[in-house]
Amino acid sequence: MGFLNKLKNLDAYPKINEDFYKRTLSGGIITAISGLIILLLFISETRLYLQAATETNLVVDTSRGERLQVYFDVTFPEVPCTLLSVDTQDISGEQHYDIRHDITKKRLHLHGHVIEATRDGIGAPKIDKPLQKHGGRLEHDEKYCGTCYGAEATEEECCNNCEEVQEAYKKKGWALPNIDLIDQCARESFVERVKAQQGEGCNVGGFLDVSKVAGNVHFTPGKGYHHSNVQLQELAELKLDNFNITHKINKLSFGMKIPGVVNPLDGATWTQTGSSGTYQYFIKVVPTIYTDVSGHEIKSNQFSVTEHFKDGNVRQKSQPSVVIYYDFSPIKVLFKEGKRSFMHYLTNLCAIVGGVFTVSGIIDSFIYHGQKAIKKKKIDLGKYT
């Protein structure tokens, strides 16, 4: 019994007889508000506890010889798919022109509706200089004399168009080979496609596999036509020298998407209002590794961007295009998700309950004693009057 009495003396919460309690309206209001505040803070703290906490660290990027995928989805409402090419090059000397694999094109109507979507054959057809009868390509100031592919009746005979080649084969009684392999037919087919797609737009999407070094991606309209140095009358009439490179970047990412991260160029739109030129994006890519609660890693990249328009009429004349220049930061960002400590959560709950009750007790005491003081003062004034 002696031990229990001693333990009883340690009670830090002595009880008061209910006869000595005095309940007030202000105390009831404060108690109700305090309970509501505790409930809201409890819900907020519980939600934070259930969510994963993200820890961020910066380290030097020591990776070497890696490659990455550049995912993109770009819409050109004023450039037909036949004339649009996608090229890449980097400072290591790696170059890829008129890339067609892993890319999908969508021909767009004037109002943005999809006319046709194909995965193969993206980009501008590769138009070489016309094939001469002697086996070489047409050079500057040289007279054109197209080959008949062995079906010439005389040494001087030339086949300068697809119909003449077909006629030469017919006279020989030979079967015509794959028409797409005949230079004249392929070139005339290209002209027809350009004419058919006049006034259309193009959506280009897919991914590019590039080395992890500084480089650039070019979206260039009419590149296949201009680089061939071909002066076809049919194409000249279409005035393919002044392209409208108005565009919208629906999506652009360097690697897989990181949860919670919005890339700065997603949904970016630029409208050409004056003369044509080159619209440039200068991107600084930051390597990033994201590790979720389960330990799964996502190796990707974040980036920042600045933009610049290079007017073709002010500076040296160049082919209108959209160019994305990218470079890599030597710093790598590490995001790691983790569970919050239960003891930390419990401590915060105790702090919430204790803190709110303590503050509300101080407020209640201040109001109660203030009311008593005012009432007493009124009574004193009543005595004197």
Protein backbone atom coordinates (compact mmCIF):
# COMPACT_ATOMS: atom_id res chain seq x y z
CA MET A 1 0.00 0.00 0.00
CA GLY A 2 2.87 2.35 0.79
CA PHE A 3 4.23 1.98 -2.74
CA LEU A 4 0.82 2.68 -4.28
CA ASN A 5 0.43 5.80 -2.16
CA LYS A 6 3.80 7.04 -3.30
CA LEU A 7 2.82 6.32 -6.89
CA LYS A 8 -0.44 8.21 -6.29
CA ASN A 9 1.52 11.24 -5.15
CA LEU A 10 3.25 11.33 -8.58
CA ASP A 11 -0.11 12.04 -10.33
CA ALA A 12 0.49 15.11 -12.52
CA TYR A 13 -3.22 15.35 -13.34
CA PRO A 14 -5.06 15.95 -10.04
CA LYS A 15 -8.82 15.66 -10.35
CA ILE A 16 -11.19 18.46 -9.35
CA ASN A 17 -14.62 17.82 -7.95
CA GLU A 18 -17.29 18.54 -10.54
CA ASP A 19 -18.96 20.88 -8.08
CA PHE A 20 -16.08 23.28 -8.61
CA TYR A 21 -16.37 23.31 -12.42
CA LYS A 22 -17.80 26.37 -14.06
CA ARG A 23 -18.75 26.01 -17.72
CA THR A 24 -19.08 29.09 -19.97
CA LEU A 25 -20.43 29.81 -23.43
CA SER A 26 -17.08 31.14 -24.60
CA GLY A 27 -15.37 27.98 -23.34
CA GLY A 28 -17.82 25.81 -25.30
CA ILE A 29 -17.23 27.76 -28.51
CA ILE A 30 -13.44 27.59 -28.10
CA THR A 31 -13.64 23.84 -27.40
CA ALA A 32 -15.72 23.21 -30.54
CA ILE A 33 -13.33 25.28 -32.70
CA SER A 34 -10.32 23.52 -31.14
CA GLY A 35 -11.82 20.10 -31.88
CA LEU A 36 -12.43 21.08 -35.51
CA ILE A 37 -8.85 22.38 -35.86
CA ILE A 38 -7.45 19.17 -34.34
CA LEU A 39 -9.54 17.08 -36.74
CA LEU A 40 -8.34 19.05 -39.81
CA LEU A 41 -4.71 18.89 -38.70
CA PHE A 42 -5.05 15.17 -37.98
CA ILE A 43 -6.37 14.52 -41.50
CA SER A 44 -3.61 16.66 -43.04
CA GLU A 45 -0.87 14.93 -41.05
CA THR A 46 -2.25 11.48 -41.89
CA ARG A 47 -2.29 12.30 -45.60
CA LEU A 48 1.34 13.45 -45.40
CA TYR A 49 2.26 10.25 -43.60
CA LEU A 50 0.59 8.06 -46.25
CA GLN A 51 2.33 9.94 -49.07
CA ALA A 52 5.89 9.08 -49.98
CA ALA A 53 8.54 11.59 -48.96
CA THR A 54 10.94 12.57 -51.76
CA GLU A 55 14.60 13.16 -50.99
CA THR A 56 16.69 15.14 -53.49
CA ASN A 57 20.46 14.90 -53.95
CA LEU A 58 22.93 16.34 -56.46
CA VAL A 59 25.96 14.36 -57.67
CA VAL A 60 28.47 14.66 -60.49
CA ASP A 61 27.38 12.73 -63.58
CA THR A 62 30.21 10.26 -64.32
CA SER A 63 28.34 8.15 -66.90
CA ARG A 64 30.05 7.61 -70.26
CA GLY A 65 29.03 6.28 -73.65
CA GLU A 66 25.33 6.21 -72.90
CA ARG A 67 22.49 6.70 -75.37
CA LEU A 68 19.02 8.07 -74.80
CA GLN A 69 15.69 8.38 -76.54
CA VAL A 70 14.27 11.79 -77.42
CA TYR A 71 10.48 11.49 -77.48
CA PHE A 72 8.63 14.13 -79.48
CA ASP A 73 5.24 15.00 -80.93
CA VAL A 74 5.21 18.15 -83.07
CA THR A 75 2.47 19.58 -85.27
CA PHE A 76 3.15 21.77 -88.34
CA PRO A 77 -0.25 23.05 -89.58
CA GLU A 78 1.23 24.67 -92.71
CA VAL A 79 3.82 22.07 -93.84
CA PRO A 80 2.76 18.91 -95.76
CA CYS A 81 4.26 15.60 -94.64
CA THR A 82 5.83 14.94 -98.05
CA LEU A 83 8.16 17.92 -97.64
CA LEU A 84 9.03 17.48 -93.95
CA SER A 85 12.26 15.80 -92.89
CA VAL A 86 13.75 15.04 -89.44
CA ASP A 87 17.55 15.13 -89.06
CA THR A 88 19.94 14.77 -86.12
CA GLN A 89 23.63 15.47 -85.62
CA ASP A 90 25.95 15.82 -82.63
CA ILE A 91 29.44 17.03 -81.76
CA SER A 92 30.87 13.51 -81.99
CA GLY A 93 30.19 13.59 -85.75
CA GLU A 94 27.19 11.25 -85.74
CA GLN A 95 24.68 12.40 -88.35
CA HIS A 96 21.34 11.02 -89.49
CA TYR A 97 19.38 12.66 -92.30
CA ASP A 98 15.72 12.22 -93.17
CA ILE A 99 15.08 9.75 -90.34
CA ARG A 100 12.11 7.46 -91.00
CA HIS A 101 12.25 4.61 -88.49
CA ASP A 102 10.44 4.78 -85.10
CA ILE A 103 8.51 7.82 -86.35
CA THR A 104 4.84 8.20 -87.29
CA LYS A 105 3.38 10.91 -89.50
CA LYS A 106 -0.21 12.13 -89.71
CA ARG A 107 -1.45 14.17 -92.63
CA LEU A 108 -3.67 16.94 -91.30
CA HIS A 109 -6.57 18.71 -92.93
CA LEU A 110 -6.67 22.50 -92.94
CA HIS A 111 -8.90 22.37 -89.84
CA GLY A 112 -6.63 19.92 -88.00
CA HIS A 113 -8.48 16.69 -88.75
CA VAL A 114 -6.30 13.63 -89.44
CA ILE A 115 -6.44 12.58 -93.09
CA GLU A 116 -4.02 9.68 -92.94
CA ALA A 117 -1.65 8.19 -90.36
CA THR A 118 1.29 6.02 -91.43
CA ARG A 119 4.33 4.67 -89.64
CA ASP A 120 6.52 4.01 -92.65
CA GLY A 121 7.84 6.54 -95.10
CA ILE A 122 8.05 9.53 -92.80
CA GLY A 123 9.85 12.59 -94.06
CA ALA A 124 10.65 14.10 -97.42
CA PRO A 125 11.41 11.60 -100.17
CA LYS A 126 15.09 11.47 -101.00
CA ILE A 127 15.33 13.21 -104.38
CA ASP A 128 18.72 12.83 -105.97
CA LYS A 129 19.83 14.75 -109.02
CA PRO A 130 18.39 13.26 -112.23
CA LEU A 131 20.09 10.08 -113.41
CA GLN A 132 21.95 10.59 -116.69
CA LYS A 133 22.28 8.06 -119.49
CA HIS A 134 26.01 7.68 -118.82
CA GLY A 135 25.25 6.53 -115.25
CA GLY A 136 26.16 9.71 -113.40
CA ARG A 137 23.94 12.44 -111.98
CA LEU A 138 23.01 15.68 -113.70
CA GLU A 139 25.59 18.35 -112.97
CA HIS A 140 25.25 22.12 -113.18
CA ASP A 141 24.88 23.49 -116.75
CA GLU A 142 24.84 19.93 -118.15
CA LYS A 143 22.17 18.87 -120.65
CA TYR A 144 19.80 16.27 -119.32
CA CYS A 145 19.60 12.96 -121.18
CA GLY A 146 17.85 10.39 -119.06
CA THR A 147 18.65 6.70 -119.19
CA CYS A 148 16.22 4.19 -120.71
CA TYR A 149 17.63 1.43 -118.51
CA GLY A 150 19.01 -0.58 -121.44
CA ALA A 151 15.94 -0.23 -123.67
CA GLU A 152 17.42 2.49 -125.94
CA ALA A 153 16.83 1.86 -129.66
CA THR A 154 19.86 4.00 -130.55
CA GLU A 155 22.84 5.33 -128.64
CA GLU A 156 21.48 8.87 -128.93
CA GLU A 157 18.00 8.05 -127.57
CA CYS A 158 17.08 9.61 -124.22
CA CYS A 159 14.21 8.88 -121.84
CA ASN A 160 13.51 12.07 -119.94
CA ASN A 161 10.25 11.07 -118.31
CA CYS A 162 8.43 8.00 -117.03
CA GLU A 163 6.25 7.66 -120.13
CA GLU A 164 9.30 7.53 -122.43
CA VAL A 165 10.88 4.77 -120.34
CA GLN A 166 7.65 2.74 -120.48
CA GLU A 167 7.43 3.26 -124.25
CA ALA A 168 11.05 2.13 -124.76
CA TYR A 169 10.38 -1.06 -122.79
CA LYS A 170 7.18 -1.65 -124.77
CA LYS A 171 9.05 -1.40 -128.07
CA LYS A 172 11.60 -3.95 -126.85
CA GLY A 173 8.82 -6.24 -125.64
CA TRP A 174 10.32 -6.29 -122.13
CA ALA A 175 8.40 -6.48 -118.86
CA LEU A 176 8.59 -3.23 -116.92
CA PRO A 177 10.45 -3.57 -113.54
CA ASN A 178 9.27 -2.03 -110.27
CA ILE A 179 8.19 1.46 -111.31
CA ASP A 180 9.45 2.94 -107.99
CA LEU A 181 13.00 1.96 -108.99
CA ILE A 182 12.86 4.02 -112.19
CA ASP A 183 14.34 7.45 -111.51
CA GLN A 184 11.99 9.39 -113.80
CA CYS A 185 8.85 7.71 -112.42
CA ALA A 186 9.91 8.23 -108.79
CA ARG A 187 10.54 11.92 -109.42
CA GLU A 188 7.19 12.46 -111.15
CA SER A 189 5.44 10.57 -108.33
CA PHE A 190 7.05 12.94 -105.82
CA VAL A 191 5.73 15.96 -107.74
CA GLU A 192 2.23 14.49 -107.71
CA ARG A 193 2.40 13.88 -103.95
CA VAL A 194 3.54 17.46 -103.32
CA LYS A 195 0.67 18.81 -105.41
CA ALA A 196 -1.85 16.51 -103.72
CA GLN A 197 -0.78 17.64 -100.23
CA GLN A 198 -0.76 21.37 -100.91
CA GLY A 199 -2.53 23.20 -98.07
CA GLU A 200 -2.19 20.28 -95.64
CA GLY A 201 -0.37 20.12 -92.32
CA CYS A 202 1.64 17.38 -90.66
CA ASN A 203 1.96 15.87 -87.21
CA VAL A 204 5.26 14.10 -86.57
CA GLY A 205 5.72 11.88 -83.52
CA GLY A 206 7.98 9.13 -82.25
CA PHE A 207 11.46 8.93 -80.76
CA LEU A 208 15.07 9.40 -81.81
CA ASP A 209 17.97 7.35 -80.46
CA VAL A 210 20.89 9.74 -79.87
CA SER A 211 24.24 9.71 -78.10
CA LYS A 212 24.49 11.43 -74.73
CA VAL A 213 26.51 14.36 -76.08
CA ALA A 214 25.58 17.84 -77.27
CA GLY A 215 23.70 17.83 -80.54
CA ASN A 216 20.64 19.10 -82.37
CA VAL A 217 17.41 17.94 -83.99
CA HIS A 218 16.19 19.61 -87.20
CA PHE A 219 12.62 19.70 -88.49
CA THR A 220 13.14 21.02 -92.01
CA PRO A 221 10.44 21.49 -94.69
CA GLY A 222 11.48 20.98 -98.30
CA LYS A 223 14.97 19.76 -97.47
CA GLY A 224 14.88 16.80 -99.86
CA TYR A 225 13.82 19.07 -102.71
CA HIS A 226 16.36 21.84 -102.06
CA HIS A 227 19.35 19.58 -101.39
CA SER A 228 18.88 17.79 -104.71
CA ASN A 229 19.39 21.08 -106.60
CA VAL A 230 16.58 20.01 -108.90
CA GLN A 231 14.83 22.75 -110.86
CA LEU A 232 11.58 21.03 -111.83
CA GLN A 233 9.13 23.40 -113.49
CA GLU A 234 6.21 21.73 -111.71
CA LEU A 235 7.75 22.32 -108.30
CA ALA A 236 8.97 25.81 -109.13
CA GLU A 237 5.37 26.83 -109.77
CA LEU A 238 4.42 25.74 -106.21
CA LYS A 239 6.79 28.35 -104.66
CA LEU A 240 8.40 26.04 -102.11
CA ASP A 241 10.99 28.57 -100.92
CA ASN A 242 8.92 30.37 -98.27
CA PHE A 243 7.52 27.93 -95.72
CA ASN A 244 5.35 28.85 -92.77
CA ILE A 245 6.99 27.05 -89.81
CA THR A 246 4.19 27.75 -87.34
CA HIS A 247 4.27 24.77 -84.97
CA LYS A 248 3.07 23.30 -81.70
CA ILE A 249 5.19 20.99 -79.55
CA ASN A 250 2.65 18.63 -78.04
CA LYS A 251 5.32 16.63 -76.23
CA LEU A 252 9.11 16.71 -75.89
CA SER A 253 11.10 14.66 -73.38
CA PHE A 254 14.62 13.33 -73.08
CA GLY A 255 13.95 9.83 -71.77
CA MET A 256 10.97 8.40 -69.89
CA LYS A 257 8.50 10.64 -68.10
CA ILE A 258 9.28 11.34 -64.42
CA PRO A 259 6.23 11.26 -62.09
CA GLY A 260 5.20 14.76 -61.04
CA VAL A 261 7.51 16.55 -63.50
CA VAL A 262 6.03 18.69 -66.31
CA ASN A 263 8.39 19.34 -69.22
CA PRO A 264 8.55 23.08 -70.08
CA LEU A 265 7.87 22.65 -73.82
CA ASP A 266 4.82 20.40 -73.56
CA GLY A 267 2.02 22.29 -75.28
CA ALA A 268 4.30 25.15 -76.44
CA THR A 269 3.07 26.97 -79.57
CA TRP A 270 4.82 29.44 -81.89
CA THR A 271 3.05 31.26 -84.73
CA GLN A 272 4.92 32.77 -87.65
CA THR A 273 3.55 36.25 -88.31
CA GLY A 274 6.19 37.64 -90.67
CA SER A 275 8.86 36.32 -93.00
CA SER A 276 10.18 32.78 -92.70
CA GLY A 277 13.37 31.85 -90.88
CA THR A 278 14.73 29.43 -88.29
CA TYR A 279 13.11 29.00 -84.90
CA GLN A 280 15.65 27.75 -82.36
CA TYR A 281 15.26 26.07 -78.97
CA PHE A 282 18.35 25.95 -76.75
CA ILE A 283 17.93 23.21 -74.16
CA LYS A 284 20.06 22.36 -71.11
CA VAL A 285 19.42 18.74 -70.18
CA VAL A 286 19.91 17.61 -66.57
CA PRO A 287 20.34 13.83 -66.08
CA THR A 288 17.90 12.56 -63.45
CA ILE A 289 17.35 9.25 -61.64
CA TYR A 290 14.00 8.74 -59.95
CA THR A 291 13.63 5.88 -57.45
CA ASP A 292 10.13 5.09 -56.17
CA VAL A 293 9.13 3.50 -52.84
CA SER A 294 9.42 -0.03 -54.24
CA GLY A 295 13.01 0.62 -55.38
CA HIS A 296 12.20 0.83 -59.11
CA GLU A 297 14.54 3.25 -60.93
CA ILE A 298 13.64 5.54 -63.82
CA LYS A 299 16.68 6.96 -65.61
CA SER A 300 15.56 10.08 -67.44
CA ASN A 301 16.28 13.79 -67.81
CA GLN A 302 14.82 17.17 -66.95
CA PHE A 303 15.56 20.28 -68.96
CA SER A 304 15.32 24.06 -69.15
CA VAL A 305 14.91 25.97 -72.40
CA THR A 306 15.38 29.36 -74.06
CA GLU A 307 14.01 30.30 -77.50
CA HIS A 308 15.14 32.47 -80.39
CA PHE A 309 13.86 33.26 -83.89
CA LYS A 310 16.45 33.79 -86.60
CA ASP A 311 14.85 35.87 -89.36
CA GLY A 312 15.81 34.58 -92.80
CA ASN A 313 15.66 38.06 -94.34
CA VAL A 314 17.92 39.75 -91.80
CA ARG A 315 20.79 37.30 -91.72
CA GLN A 316 22.30 35.00 -94.29
CA LYS A 317 19.53 33.22 -96.18
CA SER A 318 18.94 29.71 -94.84
CA GLN A 319 16.31 27.03 -95.22
CA PRO A 320 13.30 27.64 -92.90
CA SER A 321 13.34 25.11 -90.08
CA VAL A 322 12.75 24.39 -86.39
CA VAL A 323 15.96 23.40 -84.61
CA ILE A 324 16.34 21.98 -81.11
CA TYR A 325 19.88 22.40 -79.75
CA TYR A 326 20.56 20.34 -76.63
CA ASP A 327 23.49 20.04 -74.25
CA PHE A 328 23.96 18.05 -71.04
CA SER A 329 24.69 19.30 -67.53
CA PRO A 330 27.59 17.67 -65.63
CA ILE A 331 25.36 17.47 -62.54
CA LYS A 332 22.94 14.60 -62.00
CA VAL A 333 19.78 14.91 -59.85
CA LEU A 334 18.72 11.97 -57.68
CA PHE A 335 15.10 11.73 -56.52
CA LYS A 336 14.38 9.01 -53.98
CA GLU A 337 10.99 8.25 -52.46
CA GLY A 338 10.73 6.84 -48.95
CA LYS A 339 8.19 6.10 -46.24
CA ARG A 340 7.83 8.54 -43.35
CA SER A 341 8.66 7.32 -39.84
CA PHE A 342 5.63 6.18 -37.81
CA MET A 343 7.19 7.54 -34.63
CA HIS A 344 7.61 10.92 -36.30
CA TYR A 345 3.94 10.76 -37.33
CA LEU A 346 2.90 9.88 -33.76
CA THR A 347 5.01 12.69 -32.35
CA ASN A 348 3.39 15.20 -34.69
CA LEU A 349 -0.09 14.03 -33.68
CA CYS A 350 0.75 14.49 -29.99
CA ALA A 351 2.17 17.93 -30.75
CA ILE A 352 -1.01 18.88 -32.63
CA VAL A 353 -3.36 17.77 -29.85
CA GLY A 354 -1.26 19.22 -27.03
CA GLY A 355 -0.48 22.44 -28.85
CA VAL A 356 -4.07 23.18 -29.83
CA PHE A 357 -5.41 22.43 -26.33
CA THR A 358 -2.70 24.56 -24.72
CA VAL A 359 -3.31 27.56 -26.98
CA SER A 360 -7.09 27.22 -26.69
CA GLY A 361 -6.73 27.03 -22.88
CA ILE A 362 -4.72 30.28 -22.88
CA ILE A 363 -7.33 31.97 -25.07
CA ASP A 364 -10.20 30.69 -22.89
CA SER A 365 -8.47 31.85 -19.73
CA PHE A 366 -7.83 35.29 -21.23
CA ILE A 367 -11.47 35.66 -22.27
CA TYR A 368 -12.83 34.35 -18.95
CA HIS A 369 -10.67 36.59 -16.75
CA GLY A 370 -11.30 39.52 -19.06
CA GLN A 371 -15.04 39.10 -18.70
CA LYS A 372 -14.68 38.86 -14.91
CA ALA A 373 -12.60 42.01 -14.78
CA ILE A 374 -15.12 43.93 -16.91
CA LYS A 375 -18.03 42.68 -14.79
CA LYS A 376 -16.26 43.61 -11.57
CA LYS A 377 -15.52 47.07 -12.90
CA LYS A 378 -19.17 47.56 -13.77
CA ILE A 379 -20.19 46.53 -10.24
CA ASP A 380 -17.68 48.95 -8.72
CA LEU A 381 -18.94 51.77 -10.88
CA GLY A 382 -22.50 50.95 -9.82
CA LYS A 383 -21.57 51.31 -6.15
CA TYR A 384 -20.06 54.73 -6.62
CA THR A 385 -23.06 55.99 -8.56
